[in-house]
C-alpha atoms as a PDB file:
ATOM      1  CA  MET A   1     -34.779  27.935  -4.838  1.00  0.00           C
ATOM      2  CA  THR A   2     -32.464  28.357  -1.869  1.00  0.00           C
ATOM      3  CA  LYS A   3     -34.536  29.402   1.144  1.00  0.00           C
ATOM      4  CA  ILE A   4     -33.210  32.080   3.481  1.00  0.00           C
ATOM      5  CA  VAL A   5     -34.406  33.395   6.835  1.00  0.00           C
ATOM      6  CA  LEU A   6     -33.499  36.862   8.142  1.00  0.00           C
ATOM      7  CA  VAL A   7     -33.152  37.385  11.894  1.00  0.00           C
ATOM      8  CA  ASP A   8     -32.601  41.055  12.767  1.00  0.00           C
ATOM      9  CA  ASP A   9     -34.387  43.522  15.022  1.00  0.00           C
ATOM     10  CA  HIS A  10     -34.025  46.439  12.573  1.00  0.00           C
ATOM     11  CA  VAL A  11     -37.183  46.406  10.449  1.00  0.00           C
ATOM     12  CA  LEU A  12     -35.999  48.868   7.798  1.00  0.00           C
ATOM     13  CA  LEU A  13     -32.809  46.904   7.225  1.00  0.00           C
ATOM     14  CA  ARG A  14     -34.756  43.645   7.014  1.00  0.00           C
ATOM     15  CA  ASN A  15     -37.132  45.094   4.457  1.00  0.00           C
ATOM     16  CA  GLY A  16     -34.228  46.196   2.294  1.00  0.00           C
ATOM     17  CA  LEU A  17     -32.528  42.818   2.586  1.00  0.00           C
ATOM     18  CA  VAL A  18     -35.715  40.979   1.646  1.00  0.00           C
ATOM     19  CA  SER A  19     -35.969  42.971  -1.583  1.00  0.00           C
ATOM     20  CA  LEU A  20     -32.278  42.509  -2.336  1.00  0.00           C
ATOM     21  CA  ILE A  21     -32.161  38.765  -1.675  1.00  0.00           C
ATOM     22  CA  ASN A  22     -35.361  38.116  -3.601  1.00  0.00           C
ATOM     23  CA  SER A  23     -33.745  39.868  -6.576  1.00  0.00           C
ATOM     24  CA  PHE A  24     -30.881  37.336  -6.597  1.00  0.00           C
ATOM     25  CA  PRO A  25     -31.436  34.383  -8.952  1.00  0.00           C
ATOM     26  CA  ASP A  26     -32.147  31.121  -7.101  1.00  0.00           C
ATOM     27  CA  TYR A  27     -32.640  32.751  -3.668  1.00  0.00           C
ATOM     28  CA  THR A  28     -35.844  33.544  -1.789  1.00  0.00           C
ATOM     29  CA  VAL A  29     -36.638  34.778   1.729  1.00  0.00           C
ATOM     30  CA  LEU A  30     -38.713  32.203   3.603  1.00  0.00           C
ATOM     31  CA  PHE A  31     -39.572  34.428   6.578  1.00  0.00           C
ATOM     32  CA  GLU A  32     -38.217  37.145   8.890  1.00  0.00           C
ATOM     33  CA  ALA A  33     -37.839  37.346  12.673  1.00  0.00           C
ATOM     34  CA  ASN A  34     -37.049  40.150  15.125  1.00  0.00           C
ATOM     35  CA  ASN A  35     -34.794  38.038  17.341  1.00  0.00           C
ATOM     36  CA  GLY A  36     -33.676  34.502  18.038  1.00  0.00           C
ATOM     37  CA  LYS A  37     -36.610  33.679  20.295  1.00  0.00           C
ATOM     38  CA  GLN A  38     -39.138  34.628  17.616  1.00  0.00           C
ATOM     39  CA  PHE A  39     -37.095  32.758  15.005  1.00  0.00           C
ATOM     40  CA  VAL A  40     -37.160  29.535  17.029  1.00  0.00           C
ATOM     41  CA  LYS A  41     -40.949  29.814  17.389  1.00  0.00           C
ATOM     42  CA  GLN A  42     -41.454  30.424  13.661  1.00  0.00           C
ATOM     43  CA  LEU A  43     -39.096  27.720  12.430  1.00  0.00           C
ATOM     44  CA  ASP A  44     -40.966  24.840  10.811  1.00  0.00           C
ATOM     45  CA  PRO A  45     -39.087  21.503  10.898  1.00  0.00           C
ATOM     46  CA  GLU A  46     -41.007  20.489   7.764  1.00  0.00           C
ATOM     47  CA  ASN A  47     -39.858  23.552   5.811  1.00  0.00           C
ATOM     48  CA  LEU A  48     -36.337  24.472   6.873  1.00  0.00           C
ATOM     49  CA  PRO A  49     -34.201  27.168   5.249  1.00  0.00           C
ATOM     50  CA  GLU A  50     -30.787  26.415   3.804  1.00  0.00           C
ATOM     51  CA  ILE A  51     -29.296  29.642   5.201  1.00  0.00           C
ATOM     52  CA  VAL A  52     -30.079  31.829   8.218  1.00  0.00           C
ATOM     53  CA  ILE A  53     -28.734  35.388   8.208  1.00  0.00           C
ATOM     54  CA  LEU A  54     -28.204  36.466  11.818  1.00  0.00           C
ATOM     55  CA  ASP A  55     -27.611  39.812  13.441  1.00  0.00           C
ATOM     56  CA  ILE A  56     -25.674  39.562  16.712  1.00  0.00           C
ATOM     57  CA  THR A  57     -27.089  42.337  18.892  1.00  0.00           C
ATOM     58  CA  MET A  58     -30.767  41.504  19.407  1.00  0.00           C
ATOM     59  CA  PRO A  59     -33.094  41.502  22.438  1.00  0.00           C
ATOM     60  CA  GLU A  60     -34.303  38.336  24.208  1.00  0.00           C
ATOM     61  CA  MET A  61     -32.078  35.912  22.260  1.00  0.00           C
ATOM     62  CA  ASN A  62     -28.986  37.331  20.567  1.00  0.00           C
ATOM     63  CA  GLY A  63     -27.014  36.065  17.589  1.00  0.00           C
ATOM     64  CA  TYR A  64     -24.500  34.082  19.645  1.00  0.00           C
ATOM     65  CA  GLU A  65     -27.276  32.198  21.438  1.00  0.00           C
ATOM     66  CA  THR A  66     -29.257  31.664  18.246  1.00  0.00           C
ATOM     67  CA  ALA A  67     -26.226  30.355  16.345  1.00  0.00           C
ATOM     68  CA  LEU A  68     -25.445  27.883  19.118  1.00  0.00           C
ATOM     69  CA  TRP A  69     -29.079  26.732  19.250  1.00  0.00           C
ATOM     70  CA  LEU A  70     -29.118  26.203  15.482  1.00  0.00           C
ATOM     71  CA  THR A  71     -25.826  24.300  15.553  1.00  0.00           C
ATOM     72  CA  ASN A  72     -27.173  21.972  18.240  1.00  0.00           C
ATOM     73  CA  HIS A  73     -30.613  21.406  16.690  1.00  0.00           C
ATOM     74  CA  TYR A  74     -30.183  21.879  12.925  1.00  0.00           C
ATOM     75  CA  PRO A  75     -26.472  21.664  12.049  1.00  0.00           C
ATOM     76  CA  GLN A  76     -27.316  21.330   8.350  1.00  0.00           C
ATOM     77  CA  ILE A  77     -28.556  24.944   8.254  1.00  0.00           C
ATOM     78  CA  LYS A  78     -25.765  27.337   7.301  1.00  0.00           C
ATOM     79  CA  ILE A  79     -25.371  30.477   9.398  1.00  0.00           C
ATOM     80  CA  LEU A  80     -24.241  33.831   7.983  1.00  0.00           C
ATOM     81  CA  ALA A  81     -23.599  36.557  10.563  1.00  0.00           C
ATOM     82  CA  LEU A  82     -24.519  40.058   9.339  1.00  0.00           C
ATOM     83  CA  THR A  83     -23.705  42.698  11.915  1.00  0.00           C
ATOM     84  CA  MET A  84     -22.153  46.067  12.724  1.00  0.00           C
ATOM     85  CA  LEU A  85     -19.704  44.391  15.123  1.00  0.00           C
ATOM     86  CA  SER A  86     -16.246  44.078  13.578  1.00  0.00           C
ATOM     87  CA  ASP A  87     -14.110  43.198  16.599  1.00  0.00           C
ATOM     88  CA  GLU A  88     -12.122  39.971  16.566  1.00  0.00           C
ATOM     89  CA  ARG A  89     -13.846  38.593  19.657  1.00  0.00           C
ATOM     90  CA  SER A  90     -17.299  38.813  18.031  1.00  0.00           C
ATOM     91  CA  ILE A  91     -16.085  37.214  14.801  1.00  0.00           C
ATOM     92  CA  ILE A  92     -14.340  34.307  16.520  1.00  0.00           C
ATOM     93  CA  ARG A  93     -17.236  33.728  18.925  1.00  0.00           C
ATOM     94  CA  MET A  94     -19.748  33.515  16.064  1.00  0.00           C
ATOM     95  CA  PHE A  95     -17.584  31.011  14.189  1.00  0.00           C
ATOM     96  CA  LYS A  96     -17.104  28.949  17.343  1.00  0.00           C
ATOM     97  CA  ASN A  97     -20.887  28.887  17.762  1.00  0.00           C
ATOM     98  CA  GLY A  98     -21.346  27.512  14.263  1.00  0.00           C
ATOM     99  CA  ALA A  99     -21.411  30.425  11.801  1.00  0.00           C
ATOM    100  CA  LYS A 100     -20.051  29.612   8.353  1.00  0.00           C
ATOM    101  CA  GLY A 101     -19.654  33.217   7.217  1.00  0.00           C
ATOM    102  CA  PHE A 102     -19.409  36.732   8.638  1.00  0.00           C
ATOM    103  CA  LEU A 103     -20.303  40.027   6.933  1.00  0.00           C
ATOM    104  CA  LEU A 104     -20.515  43.628   8.082  1.00  0.00           C
ATOM    105  CA  LYS A 105     -23.742  45.494   7.404  1.00  0.00           C
ATOM    106  CA  ASP A 106     -21.952  48.056   5.247  1.00  0.00           C
ATOM    107  CA  CYS A 107     -20.930  45.385   2.727  1.00  0.00           C
ATOM    108  CA  ARG A 108     -21.871  45.774  -0.934  1.00  0.00           C
ATOM    109  CA  PRO A 109     -24.751  43.761  -2.422  1.00  0.00           C
ATOM    110  CA  GLN A 110     -22.337  41.746  -4.555  1.00  0.00           C
ATOM    111  CA  GLU A 111     -20.456  40.604  -1.447  1.00  0.00           C
ATOM    112  CA  LEU A 112     -23.684  39.393   0.143  1.00  0.00           C
ATOM    113  CA  LYS A 113     -24.404  37.447  -3.047  1.00  0.00           C
ATOM    114  CA  ALA A 114     -20.848  36.037  -3.006  1.00  0.00           C
ATOM    115  CA  ALA A 115     -21.303  34.987   0.628  1.00  0.00           C
ATOM    116  CA  LEU A 116     -24.569  33.188  -0.110  1.00  0.00           C
ATOM    117  CA  ASP A 117     -23.008  31.437  -3.110  1.00  0.00           C
ATOM    118  CA  GLY A 118     -19.978  30.469  -1.024  1.00  0.00           C
ATOM    119  CA  LEU A 119     -22.124  28.956   1.705  1.00  0.00           C
ATOM    120  CA  MET A 120     -24.167  26.947  -0.775  1.00  0.00           C
ATOM    121  CA  HIS A 121     -21.318  25.706  -2.970  1.00  0.00           C
ATOM    122  CA  LYS A 122     -18.414  25.421  -0.511  1.00  0.00           C
ATOM    123  CA  GLY A 123     -20.094  25.383   2.882  1.00  0.00           C
ATOM    124  CA  VAL A 124     -18.159  28.409   4.131  1.00  0.00           C
ATOM    125  CA  TYR A 125     -17.450  32.039   3.214  1.00  0.00           C
ATOM    126  CA  LEU A 126     -14.319  33.799   4.435  1.00  0.00           C
ATOM    127  CA  ASN A 127     -13.525  37.385   3.448  1.00  0.00           C
ATOM    128  CA  ARG A 128     -10.605  39.628   4.382  1.00  0.00           C
ATOM    129  CA  VAL A 129     -12.129  40.716   7.701  1.00  0.00           C
ATOM    130  CA  THR A 130     -12.749  37.180   8.928  1.00  0.00           C
ATOM    131  CA  CYS A 131      -9.464  35.794   7.597  1.00  0.00           C
ATOM    132  CA  ASP A 132      -7.468  38.496   9.397  1.00  0.00           C
ATOM    133  CA  SER A 133      -9.286  37.760  12.670  1.00  0.00           C
ATOM    134  CA  ILE A 134      -8.876  33.998  12.351  1.00  0.00           C
ATOM    135  CA  ILE A 135      -5.169  34.298  11.509  1.00  0.00           C
ATOM    136  CA  HIS A 136      -4.560  36.660  14.435  1.00  0.00           C
ATOM    137  CA  ASN A 137      -6.467  34.349  16.768  1.00  0.00           C
ATOM    138  CA  PHE A 138      -4.440  31.396  15.504  1.00  0.00           C
ATOM    139  CA  GLN A 139      -1.136  33.245  15.941  1.00  0.00           C
ATOM    140  CA  SER A 140      -2.013  34.180  19.515  1.00  0.00           C
ATOM    141  CA  THR A 141      -2.886  30.554  20.343  1.00  0.00           C
ATOM    142  CA  ASN A 142      -0.665  28.763  17.859  1.00  0.00           C
ATOM    143  CA  SER A 143       0.504  25.943  20.094  1.00  0.00           C
ATOM    144  CA  ALA A 144      -1.729  22.944  20.582  1.00  0.00           C
ATOM    145  CA  ASP A 145      -2.066  21.925  24.229  1.00  0.00           C
ATOM    146  CA  ASP A 146      -1.449  18.372  25.407  1.00  0.00           C
ATOM    147  CA  GLU A 147      -5.151  17.468  25.428  1.00  0.00           C
ATOM    148  CA  GLU A 148      -5.649  18.689  21.866  1.00  0.00           C
ATOM    149  CA  GLN A 149      -2.548  16.853  20.636  1.00  0.00           C
ATOM    150  CA  LYS A 150      -3.815  13.676  22.276  1.00  0.00           C
ATOM    151  CA  MET A 151      -7.195  13.986  20.535  1.00  0.00           C
ATOM    152  CA  VAL A 152      -5.535  14.558  17.150  1.00  0.00           C
ATOM    153  CA  ASN A 153      -3.087  11.681  17.640  1.00  0.00           C
ATOM    154  CA  GLU A 154      -6.018   9.345  18.285  1.00  0.00           C
ATOM    155  CA  LEU A 155      -7.471  10.041  14.824  1.00  0.00           C
ATOM    156  CA  ASP A 156      -6.938   7.303  12.258  1.00  0.00           C
ATOM    157  CA  GLU A 157      -5.334   7.995   8.858  1.00  0.00           C
ATOM    158  CA  LYS A 158      -8.660   8.398   7.037  1.00  0.00           C
ATOM    159  CA  GLU A 159      -9.862  10.902   9.630  1.00  0.00           C
ATOM    160  CA  LYS A 160      -6.632  12.877   9.307  1.00  0.00           C
ATOM    161  CA  GLU A 161      -6.954  12.815   5.521  1.00  0.00           C
ATOM    162  CA  PHE A 162     -10.496  14.152   5.811  1.00  0.00           C
ATOM    163  CA  LEU A 163      -9.367  16.845   8.276  1.00  0.00           C
ATOM    164  CA  ALA A 164      -6.666  18.040   5.875  1.00  0.00           C
ATOM    165  CA  LEU A 165      -9.105  18.164   2.957  1.00  0.00           C
ATOM    166  CA  TYR A 166     -11.910  19.745   4.978  1.00  0.00           C
ATOM    167  CA  CYS A 167      -9.652  22.680   5.792  1.00  0.00           C
ATOM    168  CA  THR A 168      -9.310  23.557   2.104  1.00  0.00           C
ATOM    169  CA  GLU A 169     -11.958  25.227  -0.062  1.00  0.00           C
ATOM    170  CA  LYS A 170     -13.003  21.891  -1.555  1.00  0.00           C
ATOM    171  CA  THR A 171     -16.706  21.085  -1.577  1.00  0.00           C
ATOM    172  CA  HIS A 172     -18.058  17.933   0.086  1.00  0.00           C
ATOM    173  CA  ARG A 173     -18.392  16.319  -3.346  1.00  0.00           C
ATOM    174  CA  GLU A 174     -14.767  17.128  -4.236  1.00  0.00           C
ATOM    175  CA  ILE A 175     -13.540  15.747  -0.902  1.00  0.00           C
ATOM    176  CA  ALA A 176     -15.519  12.547  -1.478  1.00  0.00           C
ATOM    177  CA  GLU A 177     -13.914  12.151  -4.919  1.00  0.00           C
ATOM    178  CA  VAL A 178     -10.381  12.629  -3.555  1.00  0.00           C
ATOM    179  CA  MET A 179     -10.983  10.168  -0.709  1.00  0.00           C
ATOM    180  CA  GLY A 180     -12.800   7.690  -2.931  1.00  0.00           C
ATOM    181  CA  VAL A 181     -15.841   7.431  -0.672  1.00  0.00           C
ATOM    182  CA  PRO A 182     -19.596   8.027  -1.182  1.00  0.00           C
ATOM    183  CA  LEU A 183     -20.764  11.602  -0.637  1.00  0.00           C
ATOM    184  CA  ARG A 184     -22.876  10.631   2.393  1.00  0.00           C
ATOM    185  CA  VAL A 185     -19.740   9.405   4.203  1.00  0.00           C
ATOM    186  CA  ILE A 186     -18.330  12.945   4.247  1.00  0.00           C
ATOM    187  CA  ASP A 187     -21.090  14.139   6.575  1.00  0.00           C
ATOM    188  CA  ASN A 188     -20.292  11.205   8.857  1.00  0.00           C
ATOM    189  CA  PHE A 189     -16.596  12.157   8.939  1.00  0.00           C
ATOM    190  CA  ARG A 190     -17.492  15.783   9.693  1.00  0.00           C
ATOM    191  CA  ASP A 191     -19.859  14.956  12.541  1.00  0.00           C
ATOM    192  CA  LEU A 192     -17.403  12.439  13.998  1.00  0.00           C
ATOM    193  CA  LEU A 193     -14.540  14.949  14.016  1.00  0.00           C
ATOM    194  CA  TYR A 194     -16.763  17.649  15.507  1.00  0.00           C
ATOM    195  CA  GLN A 195     -17.422  15.227  18.355  1.00  0.00           C
ATOM    196  CA  LYS A 196     -13.870  13.904  18.738  1.00  0.00           C
ATOM    197  CA  LEU A 197     -12.188  17.322  18.554  1.00  0.00           C
ATOM    198  CA  GLN A 198     -14.927  19.156  20.471  1.00  0.00           C
ATOM    199  CA  VAL A 199     -15.641  21.868  17.899  1.00  0.00           C
ATOM    200  CA  SER A 200     -18.788  22.840  16.013  1.00  0.00           C
ATOM    201  CA  SER A 201     -17.601  24.484  12.797  1.00  0.00           C
ATOM    202  CA  ARG A 202     -15.328  24.077   9.782  1.00  0.00           C
ATOM    203  CA  VAL A 203     -13.249  26.995  11.042  1.00  0.00           C
ATOM    204  CA  GLY A 204     -12.756  25.247  14.390  1.00  0.00           C
ATOM    205  CA  LEU A 205     -11.413  22.177  12.588  1.00  0.00           C
ATOM    206  CA  ALA A 206      -9.146  24.387  10.464  1.00  0.00           C
ATOM    207  CA  LEU A 207      -7.585  25.988  13.546  1.00  0.00           C
ATOM    208  CA  ILE A 208      -6.888  22.577  15.080  1.00  0.00           C
ATOM    209  CA  ALA A 209      -5.407  21.339  11.801  1.00  0.00           C
ATOM    210  CA  MET A 210      -3.074  24.352  11.595  1.00  0.00           C
ATOM    211  CA  ARG A 211      -1.959  24.041  15.207  1.00  0.00           C
ATOM    212  CA  ASN A 212      -1.146  20.368  14.677  1.00  0.00           C
ATOM    213  CA  ASN A 213       0.383  20.664  11.188  1.00  0.00           C
ATOM    214  CA  ILE A 214      -2.253  18.460   9.578  1.00  0.00           C
ATOM    215  CA  GLY A 215      -1.969  18.507   5.792  1.00  0.00           C
ATOM    216  CA  ASP A 216       0.723  21.201   5.627  1.00  0.00           C
ATOM    217  CA  SER A 217       2.375  19.867   2.501  1.00  0.00           C
ATOM    218  CA  VAL A 218      -0.293  17.539   1.170  1.00  0.00           C
ATOM    219  CA  TYR A 219      -3.196  19.688   0.012  1.00  0.00           C
END
């Protein structure tokens, strides 16, 4: 079973989500928390969830702070933002802090299920709302600066190949097959590029790849 944690300060909403998620095949709610601070206290390193569903607006420790903490301490845990905030700034900030998906609270149950499946099978979930925001953000900052170009130019051919593939919808296993490397090597490539290119999410790598024309006509 895929374990999920809900972090949201609205109790009624949490209760409804618990019932909904537990009704999905192969998913179960591990625990709930009112805010990021409580979540950090409750998190057991010996029994980690695969996915954390985060609200953004919460007291004491909000969704931005919680996402960044998770990315720094448990990068293997996938973050799905679930919020009423639909502005581009909130969406981009959550992705920059490590979120792998973004949903509005008025989404249909089937979209929540699709998002969970996307995170588990592809590592990311992008819907129309997030794609529009990412594209607009890219178009408004579509020229790589000198420092970014220098970092990209210093990548070797294998790293550039991985970057191009990682910006598609291919799973880690599919990328490993294309590159002809063991599956465990893909995580090493990802972590290395996060460090070299100073980003913390798949979306961050995708934006850099687009700005630097990595993989335009290859994949």
